[in-house]
């Protein structure tokens, strides 16, 4: 809880100082920026609220054994691949991925599998693939997603190694 309060204070100070600078530079643009930012915040608030409620349900109703079975320690490369696939197919704002990562760690996922999951969530777009194909073309979209999938695994495993000294 102490970290949350410290983070909120830090971010509030950064935002206030940024807007102070913006208002001194150009008052009309700063007002427009504040209005747009506030509107975006209010537009996203219900979604964030719902996602955090769903994370709470996941935390309470998904037993630790289930998490360990799929992405826990001792499963080796299977847990890495499972985390990459799971992260690739889930969609939502990135801000909700990090609390879910914390719950996964609490329930027995390794640092590496959690990092793979988070990286795949951010980098791979299985759900958005059809839209990506319509904008960039099939070859580009497929190549980008395959490379992102591999990259999510590599970065996640390296993150686990750097933070814990173990690859899995």
Foldseek 3Di string as FASTA:
>chain_A
DVVVVVVVVVVVVVVVVVLVVVCVVPVVVSVVVVVVVVVVCVVCVVVVVVLVVVLVCCLPPPALVVLCVQAAPPPPPRNQLSLLVQLQDDADDLVSLVVSLVSSVVSGGAQLSSQLNSQSVPQHHPPCLVVCCVVPNDVVSVVSRVVSSVVSNVVSQVRRCVVPVHSD
